[in-house]
C-alpha atoms as a PDB file:
ATOM      1  CA  UNK A   1      86.832 104.904 104.727  1.00  0.00           C
ATOM      2  CA  UNK A   2      83.465 103.378 105.479  1.00  0.00           C
ATOM      3  CA  UNK A   3      81.737 106.762 105.291  1.00  0.00           C
ATOM      4  CA  UNK A   4      83.205 107.421 101.838  1.00  0.00           C
ATOM      5  CA  UNK A   5      82.329 103.912 100.691  1.00  0.00           C
ATOM      6  CA  UNK A   6      78.721 104.220 101.864  1.00  0.00           C
ATOM      7  CA  UNK A   7      78.220 107.436  99.892  1.00  0.00           C
ATOM      8  CA  UNK A   8      79.915 106.110  96.746  1.00  0.00           C
ATOM      9  CA  UNK A   9      78.012 102.833  96.656  1.00  0.00           C
ATOM     10  CA  UNK A  10      74.738 104.242  97.919  1.00  0.00           C
ATOM     11  CA  UNK A  11      74.450 106.834  95.160  1.00  0.00           C
ATOM     12  CA  UNK A  12      75.762 104.399  92.547  1.00  0.00           C
ATOM     13  CA  UNK A  13      72.434 102.539  92.589  1.00  0.00           C
ATOM     14  CA  UNK A  14      70.874 105.584  90.948  1.00  0.00           C
ATOM     15  CA  UNK A  15      73.793 105.945  88.523  1.00  0.00           C
ATOM     16  CA  UNK A  16      73.546 102.290  87.459  1.00  0.00           C
ATOM     17  CA  UNK A  17      69.786 102.544  86.949  1.00  0.00           C
ATOM     18  CA  UNK A  18      70.325 105.544  84.659  1.00  0.00           C
ATOM     19  CA  UNK A  19      73.119 103.803  82.719  1.00  0.00           C
ATOM     20  CA  UNK A  20      70.912 100.794  81.995  1.00  0.00           C
ATOM     21  CA  UNK A  21      68.602 103.038  79.953  1.00  0.00           C
ATOM     22  CA  UNK A  22      71.338 103.107  77.319  1.00  0.00           C
ATOM     23  CA  UNK A  23      73.101  99.717  77.570  1.00  0.00           C
ATOM     24  CA  UNK A  24      72.315  96.058  78.142  1.00  0.00           C
ATOM     25  CA  UNK A  25      73.092  94.961  81.737  1.00  0.00           C
ATOM     26  CA  UNK A  26      75.973  92.613  80.916  1.00  0.00           C
ATOM     27  CA  UNK A  27      77.505  95.063  78.429  1.00  0.00           C
ATOM     28  CA  UNK A  28      77.494  97.791  81.065  1.00  0.00           C
ATOM     29  CA  UNK A  29      78.809  95.410  83.745  1.00  0.00           C
ATOM     30  CA  UNK A  30      81.718  94.326  81.518  1.00  0.00           C
ATOM     31  CA  UNK A  31      82.648  97.891  80.539  1.00  0.00           C
ATOM     32  CA  UNK A  32      82.600  99.326  84.076  1.00  0.00           C
ATOM     33  CA  UNK A  33      84.647  96.511  85.607  1.00  0.00           C
ATOM     34  CA  UNK A  34      87.147  96.154  82.745  1.00  0.00           C
ATOM     35  CA  UNK A  35      88.161  99.820  82.746  1.00  0.00           C
ATOM     36  CA  UNK A  36      88.097  99.966  86.549  1.00  0.00           C
ATOM     37  CA  UNK A  37      90.551  97.059  86.742  1.00  0.00           C
ATOM     38  CA  UNK A  38      92.878  98.853  84.303  1.00  0.00           C
ATOM     39  CA  UNK A  39      92.723 101.974  86.498  1.00  0.00           C
ATOM     40  CA  UNK A  40      94.027  99.882  89.395  1.00  0.00           C
ATOM     41  CA  UNK A  41      96.645  97.960  87.406  1.00  0.00           C
ATOM     42  CA  UNK A  42      98.215 101.148  86.031  1.00  0.00           C
ATOM     43  CA  UNK A  43      99.674 102.463  89.339  1.00  0.00           C
ATOM     44  CA  UNK A  44     100.875  98.960  90.152  1.00  0.00           C
ATOM     45  CA  UNK A  45     102.790  98.761  86.894  1.00  0.00           C
ATOM     46  CA  UNK A  46     104.296 102.230  87.398  1.00  0.00           C
ATOM     47  CA  UNK A  47     105.084 102.309  91.123  1.00  0.00           C
ATOM     48  CA  UNK A  48     105.315  98.714  92.389  1.00  0.00           C
ATOM     49  CA  UNK A  49     106.127  96.199  89.668  1.00  0.00           C
ATOM     50  CA  UNK A  50     107.153  93.614  92.258  1.00  0.00           C
ATOM     51  CA  UNK A  51     103.529  93.446  93.454  1.00  0.00           C
ATOM     52  CA  UNK A  52     101.986  93.595  89.979  1.00  0.00           C
ATOM     53  CA  UNK A  53     101.139  89.906  89.502  1.00  0.00           C
ATOM     54  CA  UNK A  54      98.692  88.222  91.918  1.00  0.00           C
ATOM     55  CA  UNK A  55     100.340  86.214  94.673  1.00  0.00           C
ATOM     56  CA  UNK A  56      97.470  83.729  94.860  1.00  0.00           C
ATOM     57  CA  UNK A  57      96.211  83.400  91.262  1.00  0.00           C
ATOM     58  CA  UNK A  58      93.672  80.608  91.840  1.00  0.00           C
ATOM     59  CA  UNK A  59      92.065  82.304  94.830  1.00  0.00           C
ATOM     60  CA  UNK A  60      92.129  85.636  92.961  1.00  0.00           C
ATOM     61  CA  UNK A  61      90.398  84.063  89.965  1.00  0.00           C
ATOM     62  CA  UNK A  62      87.683  82.551  92.158  1.00  0.00           C
ATOM     63  CA  UNK A  63      87.255  85.857  93.994  1.00  0.00           C
ATOM     64  CA  UNK A  64      86.890  87.640  90.665  1.00  0.00           C
ATOM     65  CA  UNK A  65      84.231  85.241  89.441  1.00  0.00           C
ATOM     66  CA  UNK A  66      82.265  85.704  92.677  1.00  0.00           C
ATOM     67  CA  UNK A  67      82.828  89.366  93.577  1.00  0.00           C
ATOM     68  CA  UNK A  68      82.903  90.858  90.091  1.00  0.00           C
ATOM     69  CA  UNK A  69      81.473  88.289  87.674  1.00  0.00           C
ATOM     70  CA  UNK A  70      78.513  86.974  89.658  1.00  0.00           C
ATOM     71  CA  UNK A  71      77.864  89.920  91.956  1.00  0.00           C
ATOM     72  CA  UNK A  72      78.125  92.794  89.465  1.00  0.00           C
ATOM     73  CA  UNK A  73      76.397  90.820  86.713  1.00  0.00           C
ATOM     74  CA  UNK A  74      73.462  89.856  88.923  1.00  0.00           C
ATOM     75  CA  UNK A  75      73.122  93.414  90.260  1.00  0.00           C
ATOM     76  CA  UNK A  76      72.880  94.842  86.746  1.00  0.00           C
ATOM     77  CA  UNK A  77      70.366  92.190  85.681  1.00  0.00           C
ATOM     78  CA  UNK A  78      68.253  92.872  88.779  1.00  0.00           C
ATOM     79  CA  UNK A  79      68.212  96.623  88.078  1.00  0.00           C
ATOM     80  CA  UNK A  80      66.721  96.221  84.598  1.00  0.00           C
ATOM     81  CA  UNK A  81      63.207  95.810  86.026  1.00  0.00           C
ATOM     82  CA  UNK A  82      63.722  96.518  89.739  1.00  0.00           C
ATOM     83  CA  UNK A  83      63.789  99.877  91.544  1.00  0.00           C
ATOM     84  CA  UNK A  84      67.220 101.159  92.552  1.00  0.00           C
ATOM     85  CA  UNK A  85      66.279 101.453  96.236  1.00  0.00           C
ATOM     86  CA  UNK A  86      64.519  98.115  96.545  1.00  0.00           C
ATOM     87  CA  UNK A  87      67.293  96.303  94.644  1.00  0.00           C
ATOM     88  CA  UNK A  88      69.947  97.784  96.931  1.00  0.00           C
ATOM     89  CA  UNK A  89      68.049  96.540  99.993  1.00  0.00           C
ATOM     90  CA  UNK A  90      67.760  93.012  98.620  1.00  0.00           C
ATOM     91  CA  UNK A  91      71.422  92.875  97.641  1.00  0.00           C
ATOM     92  CA  UNK A  92      72.314  93.886 101.184  1.00  0.00           C
ATOM     93  CA  UNK A  93      70.904  90.665 102.478  1.00  0.00           C
ATOM     94  CA  UNK A  94      74.649  89.937 102.321  1.00  0.00           C
ATOM     95  CA  UNK A  95      75.261  90.574 106.064  1.00  0.00           C
ATOM     96  CA  UNK A  96      72.725  87.924 107.027  1.00  0.00           C
ATOM     97  CA  UNK A  97      74.406  85.367 104.765  1.00  0.00           C
ATOM     98  CA  UNK A  98      77.693  86.384 106.426  1.00  0.00           C
ATOM     99  CA  UNK A  99      76.316  85.894 109.933  1.00  0.00           C
ATOM    100  CA  UNK A 100      75.107  82.433 108.955  1.00  0.00           C
ATOM    101  CA  UNK A 101      78.270  81.346 107.147  1.00  0.00           C
ATOM    102  CA  UNK A 102      81.135  83.118 109.001  1.00  0.00           C
ATOM    103  CA  UNK A 103      81.165  80.785 112.050  1.00  0.00           C
ATOM    104  CA  UNK A 104      81.490  77.818 109.689  1.00  0.00           C
ATOM    105  CA  UNK A 105      83.797  79.328 107.064  1.00  0.00           C
ATOM    106  CA  UNK A 106      86.039  81.565 109.200  1.00  0.00           C
ATOM    107  CA  UNK A 107      85.498  80.188 112.717  1.00  0.00           C
ATOM    108  CA  UNK A 108      84.473  83.691 113.830  1.00  0.00           C
ATOM    109  CA  UNK A 109      82.595  83.487 117.099  1.00  0.00           C
ATOM    110  CA  UNK A 110      79.156  85.072 116.957  1.00  0.00           C
ATOM    111  CA  UNK A 111      79.024  87.565 119.818  1.00  0.00           C
ATOM    112  CA  UNK A 112      75.833  87.850 121.803  1.00  0.00           C
ATOM    113  CA  UNK A 113      76.122  91.655 121.687  1.00  0.00           C
ATOM    114  CA  UNK A 114      75.640  91.507 117.903  1.00  0.00           C
ATOM    115  CA  UNK A 115      72.253  89.825 118.211  1.00  0.00           C
ATOM    116  CA  UNK A 116      70.165  92.987 118.878  1.00  0.00           C
ATOM    117  CA  UNK A 117      71.755  94.702 115.871  1.00  0.00           C
ATOM    118  CA  UNK A 118      71.051  91.665 113.715  1.00  0.00           C
ATOM    119  CA  UNK A 119      67.410  91.532 114.820  1.00  0.00           C
ATOM    120  CA  UNK A 120      66.895  95.271 114.255  1.00  0.00           C
ATOM    121  CA  UNK A 121      68.529  95.134 110.826  1.00  0.00           C
ATOM    122  CA  UNK A 122      66.500  92.089 109.795  1.00  0.00           C
ATOM    123  CA  UNK A 123      63.282  93.773 110.909  1.00  0.00           C
ATOM    124  CA  UNK A 124      64.244  96.938 109.027  1.00  0.00           C
ATOM    125  CA  UNK A 125      65.019  95.074 105.807  1.00  0.00           C
ATOM    126  CA  UNK A 126      61.765  93.141 106.077  1.00  0.00           C
ATOM    127  CA  UNK A 127      59.808  96.387 106.383  1.00  0.00           C
ATOM    128  CA  UNK A 128      61.604  97.895 103.394  1.00  0.00           C
ATOM    129  CA  UNK A 129      61.117  94.767 101.301  1.00  0.00           C
ATOM    130  CA  UNK A 130      57.573  93.942 102.547  1.00  0.00           C
ATOM    131  CA  UNK A 131      57.624  90.363 101.158  1.00  0.00           C
ATOM    132  CA  UNK A 132      53.983  89.815 102.178  1.00  0.00           C
ATOM    133  CA  UNK A 133      52.878  92.285  99.520  1.00  0.00           C
ATOM    134  CA  UNK A 134      52.412  91.136  95.927  1.00  0.00           C
ATOM    135  CA  UNK A 135      55.354  92.146  93.709  1.00  0.00           C
ATOM    136  CA  UNK A 136      55.315  91.891  89.902  1.00  0.00           C
ATOM    137  CA  UNK A 137      59.115  91.866  89.771  1.00  0.00           C
ATOM    138  CA  UNK A 138      59.801  88.504  91.418  1.00  0.00           C
ATOM    139  CA  UNK A 139      62.618  87.601  89.008  1.00  0.00           C
ATOM    140  CA  UNK A 140      64.377  90.894  89.715  1.00  0.00           C
ATOM    141  CA  UNK A 141      64.053  90.311  93.472  1.00  0.00           C
ATOM    142  CA  UNK A 142      65.500  86.800  93.209  1.00  0.00           C
ATOM    143  CA  UNK A 143      68.437  88.066  91.147  1.00  0.00           C
ATOM    144  CA  UNK A 144      69.165  90.728  93.766  1.00  0.00           C
ATOM    145  CA  UNK A 145      69.054  88.134  96.566  1.00  0.00           C
ATOM    146  CA  UNK A 146      71.416  85.864  94.622  1.00  0.00           C
ATOM    147  CA  UNK A 147      73.759  88.849  94.195  1.00  0.00           C
ATOM    148  CA  UNK A 148      73.783  89.254  97.987  1.00  0.00           C
ATOM    149  CA  UNK A 149      74.743  85.600  98.422  1.00  0.00           C
ATOM    150  CA  UNK A 150      77.536  85.867  95.826  1.00  0.00           C
ATOM    151  CA  UNK A 151      78.871  88.929  97.626  1.00  0.00           C
ATOM    152  CA  UNK A 152      78.802  87.136 100.984  1.00  0.00           C
ATOM    153  CA  UNK A 153      80.756  84.206  99.566  1.00  0.00           C
ATOM    154  CA  UNK A 154      83.322  86.613  98.113  1.00  0.00           C
ATOM    155  CA  UNK A 155      83.755  88.296 101.515  1.00  0.00           C
ATOM    156  CA  UNK A 156      84.398  84.951 103.168  1.00  0.00           C
ATOM    157  CA  UNK A 157      86.891  84.020 100.459  1.00  0.00           C
ATOM    158  CA  UNK A 158      88.693  87.391 100.678  1.00  0.00           C
ATOM    159  CA  UNK A 159      89.147  86.894 104.423  1.00  0.00           C
ATOM    160  CA  UNK A 160      91.029  83.649 103.716  1.00  0.00           C
ATOM    161  CA  UNK A 161      93.518  85.188 101.266  1.00  0.00           C
ATOM    162  CA  UNK A 162      96.680  86.320 103.123  1.00  0.00           C
ATOM    163  CA  UNK A 163      97.641  89.947 102.390  1.00  0.00           C
ATOM    164  CA  UNK A 164     101.016  91.381 103.449  1.00  0.00           C
ATOM    165  CA  UNK A 165     100.678  95.078 102.524  1.00  0.00           C
ATOM    166  CA  UNK A 166      98.538  97.682 100.752  1.00  0.00           C
ATOM    167  CA  UNK A 167     100.179  97.138  97.357  1.00  0.00           C
ATOM    168  CA  UNK A 168      99.369  93.446  97.483  1.00  0.00           C
ATOM    169  CA  UNK A 169      95.793  94.310  98.395  1.00  0.00           C
ATOM    170  CA  UNK A 170      95.641  96.677  95.414  1.00  0.00           C
ATOM    171  CA  UNK A 171      96.930  93.872  93.178  1.00  0.00           C
ATOM    172  CA  UNK A 172      94.283  91.480  94.499  1.00  0.00           C
ATOM    173  CA  UNK A 173      91.548  94.065  93.914  1.00  0.00           C
ATOM    174  CA  UNK A 174      92.694  94.807  90.376  1.00  0.00           C
ATOM    175  CA  UNK A 175      93.214  91.234  89.209  1.00  0.00           C
ATOM    176  CA  UNK A 176      90.021  89.838  90.684  1.00  0.00           C
ATOM    177  CA  UNK A 177      88.150  92.668  88.935  1.00  0.00           C
ATOM    178  CA  UNK A 178      89.900  91.948  85.625  1.00  0.00           C
ATOM    179  CA  UNK A 179      89.126  88.221  85.833  1.00  0.00           C
ATOM    180  CA  UNK A 180      85.497  88.948  86.600  1.00  0.00           C
ATOM    181  CA  UNK A 181      85.319  91.568  83.841  1.00  0.00           C
ATOM    182  CA  UNK A 182      86.604  89.080  81.255  1.00  0.00           C
ATOM    183  CA  UNK A 183      83.937  86.580  82.350  1.00  0.00           C
ATOM    184  CA  UNK A 184      81.266  89.280  82.024  1.00  0.00           C
ATOM    185  CA  UNK A 185      82.587  90.293  78.590  1.00  0.00           C
ATOM    186  CA  UNK A 186      82.383  86.683  77.421  1.00  0.00           C
ATOM    187  CA  UNK A 187      78.786  86.378  78.619  1.00  0.00           C
ATOM    188  CA  UNK A 188      77.882  89.722  77.029  1.00  0.00           C
ATOM    189  CA  UNK A 189      79.343  88.543  73.707  1.00  0.00           C
ATOM    190  CA  UNK A 190      77.371  85.289  73.818  1.00  0.00           C
ATOM    191  CA  UNK A 191      74.003  86.879  74.701  1.00  0.00           C
ATOM    192  CA  UNK A 192      72.487  89.066  71.944  1.00  0.00           C
ATOM    193  CA  UNK A 193      71.503  92.587  73.010  1.00  0.00           C
ATOM    194  CA  UNK A 194      70.761  96.028  71.597  1.00  0.00           C
ATOM    195  CA  UNK A 195      73.801  98.235  70.833  1.00  0.00           C
ATOM    196  CA  UNK A 196      74.968 100.747  73.437  1.00  0.00           C
ATOM    197  CA  UNK A 197      73.667 104.299  73.057  1.00  0.00           C
ATOM    198  CA  UNK A 198      76.717 106.485  73.754  1.00  0.00           C
ATOM    199  CA  UNK A 199      74.870 109.505  75.144  1.00  0.00           C
ATOM    200  CA  UNK A 200      76.449 112.087  77.437  1.00  0.00           C
ATOM    201  CA  UNK A 201      74.414 110.756  80.370  1.00  0.00           C
ATOM    202  CA  UNK A 202      75.622 107.198  79.746  1.00  0.00           C
ATOM    203  CA  UNK A 203      79.272 108.263  79.461  1.00  0.00           C
ATOM    204  CA  UNK A 204      79.012 110.203  82.742  1.00  0.00           C
ATOM    205  CA  UNK A 205      77.437 107.179  84.467  1.00  0.00           C
ATOM    206  CA  UNK A 206      80.129 104.899  83.054  1.00  0.00           C
ATOM    207  CA  UNK A 207      82.939 107.186  84.251  1.00  0.00           C
ATOM    208  CA  UNK A 208      81.410 107.288  87.748  1.00  0.00           C
ATOM    209  CA  UNK A 209      81.305 103.494  87.793  1.00  0.00           C
ATOM    210  CA  UNK A 210      84.840 103.099  86.492  1.00  0.00           C
ATOM    211  CA  UNK A 211      86.697 105.293  89.005  1.00  0.00           C
ATOM    212  CA  UNK A 212      84.799 106.055  92.256  1.00  0.00           C
ATOM    213  CA  UNK A 213      82.057 103.425  91.975  1.00  0.00           C
ATOM    214  CA  UNK A 214      84.335 100.469  91.187  1.00  0.00           C
ATOM    215  CA  UNK A 215      88.106 101.039  91.311  1.00  0.00           C
ATOM    216  CA  UNK A 216      88.150 103.155  94.472  1.00  0.00           C
ATOM    217  CA  UNK A 217      85.134 101.590  96.178  1.00  0.00           C
ATOM    218  CA  UNK A 218      86.211  97.953  95.815  1.00  0.00           C
ATOM    219  CA  UNK A 219      89.721  98.795  97.007  1.00  0.00           C
ATOM    220  CA  UNK A 220      88.246 100.475 100.091  1.00  0.00           C
ATOM    221  CA  UNK A 221      85.960  97.489 100.640  1.00  0.00           C
ATOM    222  CA  UNK A 222      88.803  94.959 100.577  1.00  0.00           C
ATOM    223  CA  UNK A 223      90.829  97.170 102.953  1.00  0.00           C
ATOM    224  CA  UNK A 224      87.885  97.213 105.358  1.00  0.00           C
ATOM    225  CA  UNK A 225      87.237  93.473 105.039  1.00  0.00           C
ATOM    226  CA  UNK A 226      90.940  92.816 105.626  1.00  0.00           C
ATOM    227  CA  UNK A 227      90.954  94.856 108.860  1.00  0.00           C
ATOM    228  CA  UNK A 228      87.564  94.088 110.438  1.00  0.00           C
ATOM    229  CA  UNK A 229      85.721  90.858 111.255  1.00  0.00           C
ATOM    230  CA  UNK A 230      83.495  89.839 108.328  1.00  0.00           C
ATOM    231  CA  UNK A 231      80.321  90.024 110.408  1.00  0.00           C
ATOM    232  CA  UNK A 232      81.119  93.584 111.591  1.00  0.00           C
ATOM    233  CA  UNK A 233      82.108  94.964 108.182  1.00  0.00           C
ATOM    234  CA  UNK A 234      79.051  93.427 106.545  1.00  0.00           C
ATOM    235  CA  UNK A 235      76.668  94.817 109.186  1.00  0.00           C
ATOM    236  CA  UNK A 236      78.088  98.348 108.821  1.00  0.00           C
ATOM    237  CA  UNK A 237      77.566  98.087 105.059  1.00  0.00           C
ATOM    238  CA  UNK A 238      73.801  98.098 105.714  1.00  0.00           C
ATOM    239  CA  UNK A 239      74.013 101.901 105.589  1.00  0.00           C
ATOM    240  CA  UNK A 240      74.499 101.684 101.802  1.00  0.00           C
ATOM    241  CA  UNK A 241      70.929 100.618 100.881  1.00  0.00           C
ATOM    242  CA  UNK A 242      69.563 103.417 103.065  1.00  0.00           C
ATOM    243  CA  UNK A 243      71.517 105.897 100.936  1.00  0.00           C
ATOM    244  CA  UNK A 244      70.348 104.024  97.830  1.00  0.00           C
ATOM    245  CA  UNK A 245      66.693 104.309  98.806  1.00  0.00           C
ATOM    246  CA  UNK A 246      67.011 108.031  99.611  1.00  0.00           C
ATOM    247  CA  UNK A 247      68.944 108.749  96.389  1.00  0.00           C
ATOM    248  CA  UNK A 248      66.390 106.826  94.325  1.00  0.00           C
ATOM    249  CA  UNK A 249      63.613 108.844  95.949  1.00  0.00           C
ATOM    250  CA  UNK A 250      65.392 112.148  95.337  1.00  0.00           C
ATOM    251  CA  UNK A 251      66.515 111.624  91.723  1.00  0.00           C
ATOM    252  CA  UNK A 252      64.309 108.896  90.244  1.00  0.00           C
ATOM    253  CA  UNK A 253      61.070 109.579  92.075  1.00  0.00           C
ATOM    254  CA  UNK A 254      61.054 106.144  93.772  1.00  0.00           C
ATOM    255  CA  UNK A 255      59.251 107.401  96.885  1.00  0.00           C
ATOM    256  CA  UNK A 256      59.550 105.075  99.905  1.00  0.00           C
ATOM    257  CA  UNK A 257      56.344 103.905 101.549  1.00  0.00           C
ATOM    258  CA  UNK A 258      55.785 104.427 105.295  1.00  0.00           C
ATOM    259  CA  UNK A 259      56.943 100.834 105.824  1.00  0.00           C
ATOM    260  CA  UNK A 260      60.176 101.543 103.984  1.00  0.00           C
ATOM    261  CA  UNK A 261      60.740 104.685 106.052  1.00  0.00           C
ATOM    262  CA  UNK A 262      60.271 102.712 109.250  1.00  0.00           C
ATOM    263  CA  UNK A 263      62.632 100.054 107.941  1.00  0.00           C
ATOM    264  CA  UNK A 264      65.354 102.628 107.295  1.00  0.00           C
ATOM    265  CA  UNK A 265      65.054 103.897 110.861  1.00  0.00           C
ATOM    266  CA  UNK A 266      65.473 100.349 112.155  1.00  0.00           C
ATOM    267  CA  UNK A 267      68.554  99.861 109.982  1.00  0.00           C
ATOM    268  CA  UNK A 268      70.067 103.040 111.419  1.00  0.00           C
ATOM    269  CA  UNK A 269      69.260 101.772 114.916  1.00  0.00           C
ATOM    270  CA  UNK A 270      71.029  98.507 114.082  1.00  0.00           C
ATOM    271  CA  UNK A 271      74.142 100.392 112.953  1.00  0.00           C
ATOM    272  CA  UNK A 272      74.209 102.485 116.142  1.00  0.00           C
ATOM    273  CA  UNK A 273      73.772  99.342 118.264  1.00  0.00           C
ATOM    274  CA  UNK A 274      76.603  97.593 116.450  1.00  0.00           C
ATOM    275  CA  UNK A 275      78.917 100.616 116.729  1.00  0.00           C
ATOM    276  CA  UNK A 276      78.293 100.914 120.485  1.00  0.00           C
ATOM    277  CA  UNK A 277      78.930  97.191 120.910  1.00  0.00           C
ATOM    278  CA  UNK A 278      82.244  97.460 119.075  1.00  0.00           C
ATOM    279  CA  UNK A 279      83.253 100.519 121.110  1.00  0.00           C
ATOM    280  CA  UNK A 280      82.564  98.730 124.396  1.00  0.00           C
ATOM    281  CA  UNK A 281      84.522  95.670 123.257  1.00  0.00           C
ATOM    282  CA  UNK A 282      87.539  97.771 122.253  1.00  0.00           C
ATOM    283  CA  UNK A 283      87.406  99.710 125.532  1.00  0.00           C
ATOM    284  CA  UNK A 284      87.361  96.454 127.528  1.00  0.00           C
ATOM    285  CA  UNK A 285      90.272  95.068 125.509  1.00  0.00           C
ATOM    286  CA  UNK A 286      92.340  98.233 126.048  1.00  0.00           C
END
């Protein structure tokens, strides 16, 4: 599931960047999340009506405002002027927020074996970002960092919502996305913007974001978060910006610098370190 999720989300940074050529960021964010939520609510209404309504409406509403409203909205705003690859890296500061907040919010013990992976990943992200170099897109960078924080808070909240089965998880995913989509639609209506250009390229990008990039991907993400410790799931997600940087280089011509290439190698090293640590811990437990 994580491998599929990494590919879907990693390439979606390129797809979103293309879509924003034809639509304002909040308009696109509202459209992609609204139709994605309907895609998830449909099978619930047909196959499992007993699980259709959210079991924890207040927590679901708050999750939707954080995970869909704030996160998706900030990501789209950051991509207006920021590169797809660089924006993905900044958004994936999320695991470091998780590592800082999880012991306090979830009482998850920070394992010493995770420290080398955390250091390697931090060093890799610093090389990719290169904050010591002058950047003309400071506002875009700050928006992407704020998106990472919103995502981290949503992960911590999702871990506190009790889920009994897969259908209930699907309901949570769908309703939080719908709540967030309605908030985005309200903001899009209040902020003037140019009309959407309904080109073939935009429609293709929108369809990608509705089904695989949102409906399927967020369901997979909540399954993963529900089954793994927050710190572990968030660290493994660091593979997504690596795919985003490579896809942006391949399709948009956003060629990584040598520093960015070195940073990606360090991120891969962090993922391998974390995976080996988890494997040893499971072997000892068995």
